[in-house]
C-alpha atoms as a PDB file:
ATOM      1  CA  UNK A   1      21.632 -17.054  13.216  1.00  0.00           C
ATOM      2  CA  UNK A   2      20.473 -14.898  10.308  1.00  0.00           C
ATOM      3  CA  UNK A   3      16.708 -14.717   9.987  1.00  0.00           C
ATOM      4  CA  UNK A   4      15.477 -16.548   6.895  1.00  0.00           C
ATOM      5  CA  UNK A   5      12.930 -14.523   4.937  1.00  0.00           C
ATOM      6  CA  UNK A   6      10.030 -15.708   2.820  1.00  0.00           C
ATOM      7  CA  UNK A   7       8.446 -13.171   0.502  1.00  0.00           C
ATOM      8  CA  UNK A   8       5.083 -13.452  -1.265  1.00  0.00           C
ATOM      9  CA  UNK A   9       4.166 -10.685  -3.686  1.00  0.00           C
ATOM     10  CA  UNK A  10       7.047  -9.414  -5.837  1.00  0.00           C
ATOM     11  CA  UNK A  11       5.187  -6.455  -7.305  1.00  0.00           C
ATOM     12  CA  UNK A  12       6.005  -2.747  -7.573  1.00  0.00           C
ATOM     13  CA  UNK A  13       6.577  -2.446  -3.813  1.00  0.00           C
ATOM     14  CA  UNK A  14       7.634  -6.008  -3.081  1.00  0.00           C
ATOM     15  CA  UNK A  15      10.539  -6.048  -5.512  1.00  0.00           C
ATOM     16  CA  UNK A  16      12.350  -3.195  -3.778  1.00  0.00           C
ATOM     17  CA  UNK A  17      11.653  -4.665  -0.347  1.00  0.00           C
ATOM     18  CA  UNK A  18      13.001  -8.067  -1.376  1.00  0.00           C
ATOM     19  CA  UNK A  19      16.028  -6.480  -3.066  1.00  0.00           C
ATOM     20  CA  UNK A  20      16.945  -4.583   0.078  1.00  0.00           C
ATOM     21  CA  UNK A  21      16.480  -7.601   2.337  1.00  0.00           C
ATOM     22  CA  UNK A  22      18.933  -9.509   0.131  1.00  0.00           C
ATOM     23  CA  UNK A  23      21.360  -6.587   0.126  1.00  0.00           C
ATOM     24  CA  UNK A  24      21.335  -6.547   3.940  1.00  0.00           C
ATOM     25  CA  UNK A  25      22.319 -10.200   4.037  1.00  0.00           C
ATOM     26  CA  UNK A  26      18.999 -11.920   4.750  1.00  0.00           C
ATOM     27  CA  UNK A  27      18.561 -15.289   2.971  1.00  0.00           C
ATOM     28  CA  UNK A  28      15.360 -14.934   0.931  1.00  0.00           C
ATOM     29  CA  UNK A  29      12.913 -17.346  -0.670  1.00  0.00           C
ATOM     30  CA  UNK A  30      10.107 -15.834  -2.731  1.00  0.00           C
ATOM     31  CA  UNK A  31       6.871 -17.024  -4.295  1.00  0.00           C
ATOM     32  CA  UNK A  32       6.169 -15.215  -7.570  1.00  0.00           C
ATOM     33  CA  UNK A  33       2.676 -14.588  -8.865  1.00  0.00           C
ATOM     34  CA  UNK A  34       1.768 -13.732 -12.458  1.00  0.00           C
ATOM     35  CA  UNK A  35       4.475 -11.106 -13.001  1.00  0.00           C
ATOM     36  CA  UNK A  36       7.889 -12.650 -13.640  1.00  0.00           C
ATOM     37  CA  UNK A  37       9.484  -9.627 -15.324  1.00  0.00           C
ATOM     38  CA  UNK A  38      11.329  -8.381 -12.234  1.00  0.00           C
ATOM     39  CA  UNK A  39      12.822 -11.550 -10.759  1.00  0.00           C
ATOM     40  CA  UNK A  40      16.157 -11.753 -12.538  1.00  0.00           C
ATOM     41  CA  UNK A  41      18.124  -9.450 -10.245  1.00  0.00           C
ATOM     42  CA  UNK A  42      16.709 -11.147  -7.145  1.00  0.00           C
ATOM     43  CA  UNK A  43      17.799 -14.565  -8.380  1.00  0.00           C
ATOM     44  CA  UNK A  44      21.196 -13.158  -9.318  1.00  0.00           C
ATOM     45  CA  UNK A  45      21.553 -11.809  -5.775  1.00  0.00           C
ATOM     46  CA  UNK A  46      20.969 -15.291  -4.348  1.00  0.00           C
ATOM     47  CA  UNK A  47      17.219 -15.479  -3.796  1.00  0.00           C
ATOM     48  CA  UNK A  48      15.532 -18.864  -4.104  1.00  0.00           C
ATOM     49  CA  UNK A  49      12.140 -19.401  -5.731  1.00  0.00           C
ATOM     50  CA  UNK A  50       9.449 -21.515  -4.047  1.00  0.00           C
ATOM     51  CA  UNK A  51       6.765 -23.278  -6.040  1.00  0.00           C
ATOM     52  CA  UNK A  52       3.991 -22.731  -3.498  1.00  0.00           C
ATOM     53  CA  UNK A  53       3.164 -20.388  -0.627  1.00  0.00           C
ATOM     54  CA  UNK A  54       3.500 -23.305   1.770  1.00  0.00           C
ATOM     55  CA  UNK A  55       6.995 -24.094   0.458  1.00  0.00           C
ATOM     56  CA  UNK A  56       7.927 -20.435   0.913  1.00  0.00           C
ATOM     57  CA  UNK A  57       6.851 -20.622   4.567  1.00  0.00           C
ATOM     58  CA  UNK A  58       8.702 -23.893   5.166  1.00  0.00           C
ATOM     59  CA  UNK A  59      11.948 -22.244   4.026  1.00  0.00           C
ATOM     60  CA  UNK A  60      11.551 -19.175   6.250  1.00  0.00           C
ATOM     61  CA  UNK A  61      11.466 -17.882   9.803  1.00  0.00           C
ATOM     62  CA  UNK A  62       9.583 -14.722   8.789  1.00  0.00           C
ATOM     63  CA  UNK A  63       7.213 -14.549   5.811  1.00  0.00           C
ATOM     64  CA  UNK A  64       6.279 -11.178   4.323  1.00  0.00           C
ATOM     65  CA  UNK A  65       3.034 -10.786   2.368  1.00  0.00           C
ATOM     66  CA  UNK A  66       2.874  -7.793   0.008  1.00  0.00           C
ATOM     67  CA  UNK A  67      -0.298  -7.995  -2.085  1.00  0.00           C
ATOM     68  CA  UNK A  68      -3.307  -5.830  -2.928  1.00  0.00           C
ATOM     69  CA  UNK A  69      -5.745  -6.481  -0.102  1.00  0.00           C
ATOM     70  CA  UNK A  70      -7.660  -8.882   2.116  1.00  0.00           C
ATOM     71  CA  UNK A  71      -8.981 -11.302  -0.553  1.00  0.00           C
ATOM     72  CA  UNK A  72      -5.434 -11.911  -1.781  1.00  0.00           C
ATOM     73  CA  UNK A  73      -4.069 -12.278   1.777  1.00  0.00           C
ATOM     74  CA  UNK A  74      -6.791 -14.786   2.659  1.00  0.00           C
ATOM     75  CA  UNK A  75      -6.064 -16.808  -0.493  1.00  0.00           C
ATOM     76  CA  UNK A  76      -2.370 -16.945   0.444  1.00  0.00           C
ATOM     77  CA  UNK A  77      -3.208 -18.116   3.968  1.00  0.00           C
ATOM     78  CA  UNK A  78      -6.217 -20.394   3.412  1.00  0.00           C
ATOM     79  CA  UNK A  79      -5.852 -21.434  -0.235  1.00  0.00           C
ATOM     80  CA  UNK A  80      -4.414 -24.711  -1.545  1.00  0.00           C
ATOM     81  CA  UNK A  81      -0.835 -25.172  -0.326  1.00  0.00           C
ATOM     82  CA  UNK A  82      -1.208 -21.958   1.642  1.00  0.00           C
ATOM     83  CA  UNK A  83       0.473 -20.662   4.767  1.00  0.00           C
ATOM     84  CA  UNK A  84      -1.968 -22.347   7.127  1.00  0.00           C
ATOM     85  CA  UNK A  85      -0.921 -25.690   5.690  1.00  0.00           C
ATOM     86  CA  UNK A  86       2.728 -24.961   6.529  1.00  0.00           C
ATOM     87  CA  UNK A  87       2.019 -23.292   9.875  1.00  0.00           C
ATOM     88  CA  UNK A  88       4.342 -24.241  12.729  1.00  0.00           C
ATOM     89  CA  UNK A  89       5.180 -22.853  16.144  1.00  0.00           C
ATOM     90  CA  UNK A  90       7.622 -19.966  15.939  1.00  0.00           C
ATOM     91  CA  UNK A  91       6.819 -18.892  12.391  1.00  0.00           C
ATOM     92  CA  UNK A  92       6.116 -15.157  11.970  1.00  0.00           C
ATOM     93  CA  UNK A  93       3.919 -13.851   9.144  1.00  0.00           C
ATOM     94  CA  UNK A  94       4.021 -10.112   8.401  1.00  0.00           C
ATOM     95  CA  UNK A  95       1.249  -8.614   6.295  1.00  0.00           C
ATOM     96  CA  UNK A  96       2.410  -5.383   4.649  1.00  0.00           C
ATOM     97  CA  UNK A  97      -0.760  -5.071   2.550  1.00  0.00           C
ATOM     98  CA  UNK A  98      -3.564  -2.574   3.134  1.00  0.00           C
ATOM     99  CA  UNK A  99      -6.219  -4.888   4.539  1.00  0.00           C
ATOM    100  CA  UNK A 100      -9.581  -4.910   6.296  1.00  0.00           C
ATOM    101  CA  UNK A 101      -9.105  -5.024  10.089  1.00  0.00           C
ATOM    102  CA  UNK A 102     -11.846  -7.654  10.523  1.00  0.00           C
ATOM    103  CA  UNK A 103     -10.094  -9.957   8.048  1.00  0.00           C
ATOM    104  CA  UNK A 104      -6.753  -9.301   9.760  1.00  0.00           C
ATOM    105  CA  UNK A 105      -8.226 -10.357  13.119  1.00  0.00           C
ATOM    106  CA  UNK A 106      -9.626 -13.590  11.644  1.00  0.00           C
ATOM    107  CA  UNK A 107      -6.321 -14.529   9.983  1.00  0.00           C
ATOM    108  CA  UNK A 108      -4.371 -13.657  13.132  1.00  0.00           C
ATOM    109  CA  UNK A 109      -6.561 -15.870  15.323  1.00  0.00           C
ATOM    110  CA  UNK A 110      -6.475 -18.823  12.915  1.00  0.00           C
ATOM    111  CA  UNK A 111      -2.680 -18.678  12.606  1.00  0.00           C
ATOM    112  CA  UNK A 112      -2.264 -18.215  16.365  1.00  0.00           C
ATOM    113  CA  UNK A 113      -4.040 -21.542  16.889  1.00  0.00           C
ATOM    114  CA  UNK A 114      -1.096 -23.133  15.022  1.00  0.00           C
ATOM    115  CA  UNK A 115       1.541 -21.198  16.993  1.00  0.00           C
ATOM    116  CA  UNK A 116       2.159 -18.585  14.294  1.00  0.00           C
ATOM    117  CA  UNK A 117       2.500 -14.850  15.021  1.00  0.00           C
ATOM    118  CA  UNK A 118       0.642 -12.657  12.500  1.00  0.00           C
ATOM    119  CA  UNK A 119       1.843  -9.040  12.476  1.00  0.00           C
ATOM    120  CA  UNK A 120       0.324  -6.192  10.468  1.00  0.00           C
ATOM    121  CA  UNK A 121       2.916  -3.782   9.079  1.00  0.00           C
ATOM    122  CA  UNK A 122       1.374  -1.825   6.189  1.00  0.00           C
ATOM    123  CA  UNK A 123       3.537   0.570   4.230  1.00  0.00           C
ATOM    124  CA  UNK A 124       3.670   4.223   3.285  1.00  0.00           C
ATOM    125  CA  UNK A 125       5.561   5.945   0.434  1.00  0.00           C
ATOM    126  CA  UNK A 126       5.992   4.656  -3.105  1.00  0.00           C
ATOM    127  CA  UNK A 127       7.850   2.039  -5.210  1.00  0.00           C
ATOM    128  CA  UNK A 128      10.696   4.566  -5.608  1.00  0.00           C
ATOM    129  CA  UNK A 129      11.332   4.544  -1.857  1.00  0.00           C
ATOM    130  CA  UNK A 130      10.881   0.759  -1.811  1.00  0.00           C
ATOM    131  CA  UNK A 131      13.787   0.421  -4.241  1.00  0.00           C
ATOM    132  CA  UNK A 132      15.834   2.858  -2.145  1.00  0.00           C
ATOM    133  CA  UNK A 133      15.061   1.059   1.134  1.00  0.00           C
ATOM    134  CA  UNK A 134      13.282   4.163   2.467  1.00  0.00           C
ATOM    135  CA  UNK A 135       9.707   3.058   3.093  1.00  0.00           C
ATOM    136  CA  UNK A 136       7.701   3.853   6.215  1.00  0.00           C
ATOM    137  CA  UNK A 137       5.838   1.133   8.064  1.00  0.00           C
ATOM    138  CA  UNK A 138       3.275   1.227  10.877  1.00  0.00           C
ATOM    139  CA  UNK A 139       3.423  -1.965  12.919  1.00  0.00           C
ATOM    140  CA  UNK A 140       0.643  -3.521  14.976  1.00  0.00           C
ATOM    141  CA  UNK A 141       2.264  -6.030  17.332  1.00  0.00           C
ATOM    142  CA  UNK A 142       3.014  -6.889  20.925  1.00  0.00           C
ATOM    143  CA  UNK A 143       6.085  -5.022  22.170  1.00  0.00           C
ATOM    144  CA  UNK A 144       8.368  -8.067  22.275  1.00  0.00           C
ATOM    145  CA  UNK A 145       7.357  -9.163  18.777  1.00  0.00           C
ATOM    146  CA  UNK A 146       7.975  -5.661  17.453  1.00  0.00           C
ATOM    147  CA  UNK A 147      11.460  -5.540  18.978  1.00  0.00           C
ATOM    148  CA  UNK A 148      12.346  -8.897  17.431  1.00  0.00           C
ATOM    149  CA  UNK A 149      11.082  -7.873  13.987  1.00  0.00           C
ATOM    150  CA  UNK A 150      12.420  -4.307  13.904  1.00  0.00           C
ATOM    151  CA  UNK A 151      15.929  -5.156  12.576  1.00  0.00           C
ATOM    152  CA  UNK A 152      14.359  -6.981   9.615  1.00  0.00           C
ATOM    153  CA  UNK A 153      11.991  -4.118   8.835  1.00  0.00           C
ATOM    154  CA  UNK A 154      14.880  -1.640   8.887  1.00  0.00           C
ATOM    155  CA  UNK A 155      16.340  -3.448   5.878  1.00  0.00           C
ATOM    156  CA  UNK A 156      13.788  -1.710   3.652  1.00  0.00           C
ATOM    157  CA  UNK A 157      12.320   1.034   5.863  1.00  0.00           C
ATOM    158  CA  UNK A 158      13.592   4.463   6.818  1.00  0.00           C
ATOM    159  CA  UNK A 159      10.963   4.891   9.539  1.00  0.00           C
ATOM    160  CA  UNK A 160       9.525   2.013  11.559  1.00  0.00           C
ATOM    161  CA  UNK A 161       6.630   2.983  13.845  1.00  0.00           C
ATOM    162  CA  UNK A 162       5.197   0.711  16.541  1.00  0.00           C
ATOM    163  CA  UNK A 163       1.643   2.047  16.578  1.00  0.00           C
ATOM    164  CA  UNK A 164       0.034  -0.335  19.051  1.00  0.00           C
ATOM    165  CA  UNK A 165      -1.133  -3.906  19.601  1.00  0.00           C
ATOM    166  CA  UNK A 166      -1.958  -6.346  16.778  1.00  0.00           C
ATOM    167  CA  UNK A 167      -4.398  -4.821  14.290  1.00  0.00           C
ATOM    168  CA  UNK A 168      -3.400  -1.211  14.955  1.00  0.00           C
ATOM    169  CA  UNK A 169      -1.224  -0.995  11.858  1.00  0.00           C
ATOM    170  CA  UNK A 170      -4.013  -1.809   9.436  1.00  0.00           C
ATOM    171  CA  UNK A 171      -6.408   0.606  11.136  1.00  0.00           C
ATOM    172  CA  UNK A 172      -3.887   3.439  11.063  1.00  0.00           C
ATOM    173  CA  UNK A 173      -3.053   2.742   7.406  1.00  0.00           C
ATOM    174  CA  UNK A 174      -6.711   3.072   6.430  1.00  0.00           C
ATOM    175  CA  UNK A 175      -6.941   6.379   8.303  1.00  0.00           C
ATOM    176  CA  UNK A 176      -3.725   7.563   6.607  1.00  0.00           C
ATOM    177  CA  UNK A 177      -4.990   6.594   3.165  1.00  0.00           C
ATOM    178  CA  UNK A 178      -8.395   8.186   3.727  1.00  0.00           C
ATOM    179  CA  UNK A 179      -6.655  11.476   4.468  1.00  0.00           C
ATOM    180  CA  UNK A 180      -4.323  11.154   1.480  1.00  0.00           C
ATOM    181  CA  UNK A 181      -7.077  10.222  -0.975  1.00  0.00           C
ATOM    182  CA  UNK A 182      -9.347  12.961   0.359  1.00  0.00           C
ATOM    183  CA  UNK A 183      -6.560  15.473  -0.391  1.00  0.00           C
ATOM    184  CA  UNK A 184      -6.260  13.989  -3.884  1.00  0.00           C
ATOM    185  CA  UNK A 185      -9.994  14.104  -4.616  1.00  0.00           C
ATOM    186  CA  UNK A 186     -10.223  17.644  -3.210  1.00  0.00           C
ATOM    187  CA  UNK A 187      -7.307  18.790  -5.398  1.00  0.00           C
ATOM    188  CA  UNK A 188      -8.818  17.385  -8.586  1.00  0.00           C
ATOM    189  CA  UNK A 189     -12.193  18.978  -7.844  1.00  0.00           C
ATOM    190  CA  UNK A 190     -10.598  22.334  -7.004  1.00  0.00           C
ATOM    191  CA  UNK A 191      -8.722  22.395 -10.316  1.00  0.00           C
ATOM    192  CA  UNK A 192     -11.931  21.563 -12.185  1.00  0.00           C
ATOM    193  CA  UNK A 193     -13.811  24.436 -10.536  1.00  0.00           C
ATOM    194  CA  UNK A 194     -10.930  26.873 -11.089  1.00  0.00           C
ATOM    195  CA  UNK A 195     -10.594  25.861 -14.744  1.00  0.00           C
ATOM    196  CA  UNK A 196     -14.328  26.138 -15.341  1.00  0.00           C
ATOM    197  CA  UNK A 197     -14.273  29.614 -13.790  1.00  0.00           C
ATOM    198  CA  UNK A 198     -11.433  30.697 -16.060  1.00  0.00           C
ATOM    199  CA  UNK A 199      -8.717  30.894 -13.389  1.00  0.00           C
ATOM    200  CA  UNK A 200      -5.143  30.316 -14.576  1.00  0.00           C
ATOM    201  CA  UNK A 201      -4.178  26.924 -13.133  1.00  0.00           C
ATOM    202  CA  UNK A 202      -0.523  27.879 -12.770  1.00  0.00           C
ATOM    203  CA  UNK A 203      -1.620  30.763 -10.562  1.00  0.00           C
ATOM    204  CA  UNK A 204      -3.690  28.356  -8.487  1.00  0.00           C
ATOM    205  CA  UNK A 205      -0.640  26.115  -8.145  1.00  0.00           C
ATOM    206  CA  UNK A 206       1.631  28.999  -7.104  1.00  0.00           C
ATOM    207  CA  UNK A 207      -0.787  30.271  -4.446  1.00  0.00           C
ATOM    208  CA  UNK A 208      -1.420  26.831  -2.929  1.00  0.00           C
ATOM    209  CA  UNK A 209       2.298  25.941  -2.999  1.00  0.00           C
ATOM    210  CA  UNK A 210       3.152  29.050  -0.975  1.00  0.00           C
ATOM    211  CA  UNK A 211       0.522  28.573   1.731  1.00  0.00           C
ATOM    212  CA  UNK A 212      -0.697  26.321   4.497  1.00  0.00           C
ATOM    213  CA  UNK A 213      -2.862  24.233   2.146  1.00  0.00           C
ATOM    214  CA  UNK A 214       0.252  22.912   0.398  1.00  0.00           C
ATOM    215  CA  UNK A 215       1.071  19.250   1.020  1.00  0.00           C
ATOM    216  CA  UNK A 216       2.935  16.334  -0.495  1.00  0.00           C
ATOM    217  CA  UNK A 217      -0.138  14.903  -2.228  1.00  0.00           C
ATOM    218  CA  UNK A 218      -0.776  18.252  -3.932  1.00  0.00           C
ATOM    219  CA  UNK A 219       2.793  18.457  -5.202  1.00  0.00           C
ATOM    220  CA  UNK A 220       2.888  14.854  -6.449  1.00  0.00           C
ATOM    221  CA  UNK A 221      -0.386  15.303  -8.305  1.00  0.00           C
ATOM    222  CA  UNK A 222       0.139  18.754  -9.742  1.00  0.00           C
ATOM    223  CA  UNK A 223       3.806  19.590 -10.389  1.00  0.00           C
ATOM    224  CA  UNK A 224       4.509  17.181 -13.251  1.00  0.00           C
ATOM    225  CA  UNK A 225       0.937  17.481 -14.524  1.00  0.00           C
ATOM    226  CA  UNK A 226       1.127  21.255 -15.013  1.00  0.00           C
ATOM    227  CA  UNK A 227       4.713  21.360 -16.290  1.00  0.00           C
ATOM    228  CA  UNK A 228       4.682  18.337 -18.598  1.00  0.00           C
ATOM    229  CA  UNK A 229       1.136  16.994 -18.804  1.00  0.00           C
ATOM    230  CA  UNK A 230       2.552  13.998 -16.899  1.00  0.00           C
ATOM    231  CA  UNK A 231       0.048  12.118 -14.723  1.00  0.00           C
ATOM    232  CA  UNK A 232       2.526   9.720 -13.105  1.00  0.00           C
ATOM    233  CA  UNK A 233       3.712  11.915 -10.247  1.00  0.00           C
ATOM    234  CA  UNK A 234       1.898   9.831  -7.625  1.00  0.00           C
ATOM    235  CA  UNK A 235       2.489   6.154  -8.250  1.00  0.00           C
ATOM    236  CA  UNK A 236      -0.644   4.725  -6.677  1.00  0.00           C
ATOM    237  CA  UNK A 237      -3.581   3.394  -8.620  1.00  0.00           C
ATOM    238  CA  UNK A 238      -7.159   4.640  -8.634  1.00  0.00           C
ATOM    239  CA  UNK A 239      -8.474   1.076  -8.243  1.00  0.00           C
ATOM    240  CA  UNK A 240      -6.325   0.521  -5.155  1.00  0.00           C
ATOM    241  CA  UNK A 241      -7.386   3.852  -3.676  1.00  0.00           C
ATOM    242  CA  UNK A 242     -11.043   2.983  -4.256  1.00  0.00           C
ATOM    243  CA  UNK A 243     -10.489  -0.337  -2.455  1.00  0.00           C
ATOM    244  CA  UNK A 244      -8.729   1.313   0.490  1.00  0.00           C
ATOM    245  CA  UNK A 245     -11.514   3.867   0.884  1.00  0.00           C
ATOM    246  CA  UNK A 246     -14.088   1.072   0.788  1.00  0.00           C
ATOM    247  CA  UNK A 247     -12.210  -0.661   3.628  1.00  0.00           C
ATOM    248  CA  UNK A 248     -12.067   2.623   5.538  1.00  0.00           C
ATOM    249  CA  UNK A 249     -15.767   3.436   5.201  1.00  0.00           C
ATOM    250  CA  UNK A 250     -16.637  -0.135   6.193  1.00  0.00           C
ATOM    251  CA  UNK A 251     -14.453   0.194   9.291  1.00  0.00           C
ATOM    252  CA  UNK A 252     -16.068   3.519  10.226  1.00  0.00           C
ATOM    253  CA  UNK A 253     -19.529   2.035   9.747  1.00  0.00           C
ATOM    254  CA  UNK A 254     -18.711  -0.947  11.963  1.00  0.00           C
ATOM    255  CA  UNK A 255     -17.400   1.177  14.863  1.00  0.00           C
ATOM    256  CA  UNK A 256     -19.786   3.140  14.243  1.00  0.00           C
ATOM    257  CA  UNK A 257     -18.464   6.601  13.372  1.00  0.00           C
ATOM    258  CA  UNK A 258     -20.005   8.946  10.803  1.00  0.00           C
ATOM    259  CA  UNK A 259     -17.674   9.290   7.810  1.00  0.00           C
ATOM    260  CA  UNK A 260     -18.804  12.190   5.651  1.00  0.00           C
ATOM    261  CA  UNK A 261     -15.338  12.969   4.293  1.00  0.00           C
ATOM    262  CA  UNK A 262     -14.353   9.353   3.711  1.00  0.00           C
ATOM    263  CA  UNK A 263     -17.604   8.610   1.884  1.00  0.00           C
ATOM    264  CA  UNK A 264     -17.231  11.707  -0.312  1.00  0.00           C
ATOM    265  CA  UNK A 265     -13.668  10.764  -1.245  1.00  0.00           C
ATOM    266  CA  UNK A 266     -14.758   7.179  -1.901  1.00  0.00           C
ATOM    267  CA  UNK A 267     -17.484   8.311  -4.289  1.00  0.00           C
ATOM    268  CA  UNK A 268     -14.988  10.515  -6.148  1.00  0.00           C
ATOM    269  CA  UNK A 269     -12.947   7.404  -6.861  1.00  0.00           C
ATOM    270  CA  UNK A 270     -16.032   5.372  -7.743  1.00  0.00           C
ATOM    271  CA  UNK A 271     -16.903   8.048 -10.300  1.00  0.00           C
ATOM    272  CA  UNK A 272     -13.360   8.031 -11.725  1.00  0.00           C
ATOM    273  CA  UNK A 273     -13.469   4.245 -12.069  1.00  0.00           C
ATOM    274  CA  UNK A 274     -16.904   4.350 -13.711  1.00  0.00           C
ATOM    275  CA  UNK A 275     -15.595   6.917 -16.202  1.00  0.00           C
ATOM    276  CA  UNK A 276     -12.908   4.480 -17.301  1.00  0.00           C
ATOM    277  CA  UNK A 277      -9.878   5.475 -15.210  1.00  0.00           C
ATOM    278  CA  UNK A 278      -9.736   2.516 -12.829  1.00  0.00           C
ATOM    279  CA  UNK A 279      -6.400   1.302 -14.175  1.00  0.00           C
ATOM    280  CA  UNK A 280      -4.779   4.762 -14.114  1.00  0.00           C
ATOM    281  CA  UNK A 281      -2.742   6.471 -11.396  1.00  0.00           C
ATOM    282  CA  UNK A 282      -4.107   8.980  -8.883  1.00  0.00           C
ATOM    283  CA  UNK A 283      -3.403  12.109 -10.957  1.00  0.00           C
ATOM    284  CA  UNK A 284      -5.852  10.801 -13.550  1.00  0.00           C
ATOM    285  CA  UNK A 285      -8.513  12.118 -11.194  1.00  0.00           C
ATOM    286  CA  UNK A 286      -7.876  15.284 -13.216  1.00  0.00           C
ATOM    287  CA  UNK A 287      -8.886  13.406 -16.370  1.00  0.00           C
ATOM    288  CA  UNK A 288     -12.005  12.120 -14.638  1.00  0.00           C
ATOM    289  CA  UNK A 289     -12.932  15.688 -13.681  1.00  0.00           C
ATOM    290  CA  UNK A 290     -12.348  16.816 -17.274  1.00  0.00           C
ATOM    291  CA  UNK A 291     -14.713  14.149 -18.530  1.00  0.00           C
ATOM    292  CA  UNK A 292     -17.352  14.678 -15.823  1.00  0.00           C
ATOM    293  CA  UNK A 293     -17.356  18.486 -16.011  1.00  0.00           C
ATOM    294  CA  UNK A 294     -16.426  19.115 -19.653  1.00  0.00           C
ATOM    295  CA  UNK A 295     -13.425  21.209 -18.683  1.00  0.00           C
ATOM    296  CA  UNK A 296      -9.721  21.309 -19.648  1.00  0.00           C
ATOM    297  CA  UNK A 297      -7.136  20.793 -16.885  1.00  0.00           C
ATOM    298  CA  UNK A 298      -4.219  18.724 -18.186  1.00  0.00           C
ATOM    299  CA  UNK A 299      -1.875  20.454 -20.689  1.00  0.00           C
ATOM    300  CA  UNK A 300      -1.760  18.506 -23.958  1.00  0.00           C
END
């Protein structure tokens, strides 16, 4: 029998995931939140809309959650007409959000008491790859549960990694995002220093692009910015990055492990948010540096 899918969170990432699940033949029921602008093609492809999260779970064998973070996941699970209300033996809930490991453990234990498997499978790459069915996911699950879920995940993922037992996915995602956001904060600061010192920023770009310091984050942030003044090359928000770094530094503190780099990156994003760029994308770290250091980086 074809696995019935429930999907909660049809946002920038969720839309592409849901679209690809439908295209691969999985029956899909979704629960929309505030944004209803991107539902038409899903409905046209045969998706059904549920009125509540509980109704979405009742219509599904596997429920995907794709929202911002732990508060939203907990509301979906514990809130009125939430997943816990519709919990039944055999149901699988897959959280693709970037969440706090302590919250993940609590949700997993509470759902397990009702016979529900809760699997963490956070994502890497961007909405572009979501639409193309080429995301990466890092899955924390028991081996048998991973094997059962893998064919569903391959509907929207190019690379599916089993990274360990339950909880491992969310930990690895926080480590991944700390590294990525540290690269981003470092790049913005480096451009500010170079600009203030009078270095040609195109020369800086050429040198870094040709050497070992080059990386994907650098290219996404800088290429369109320098050529076109376009700050949309990396489609991930400063507010979300700040949240992920807060989760990471909290995790490190709880272990405990000193986190000098994570804390420095976190404070770079706190500064950017305080300067008014919370709702902008990552490359607007350049704008935050311009404002903080009274320097010109972005061509206008």
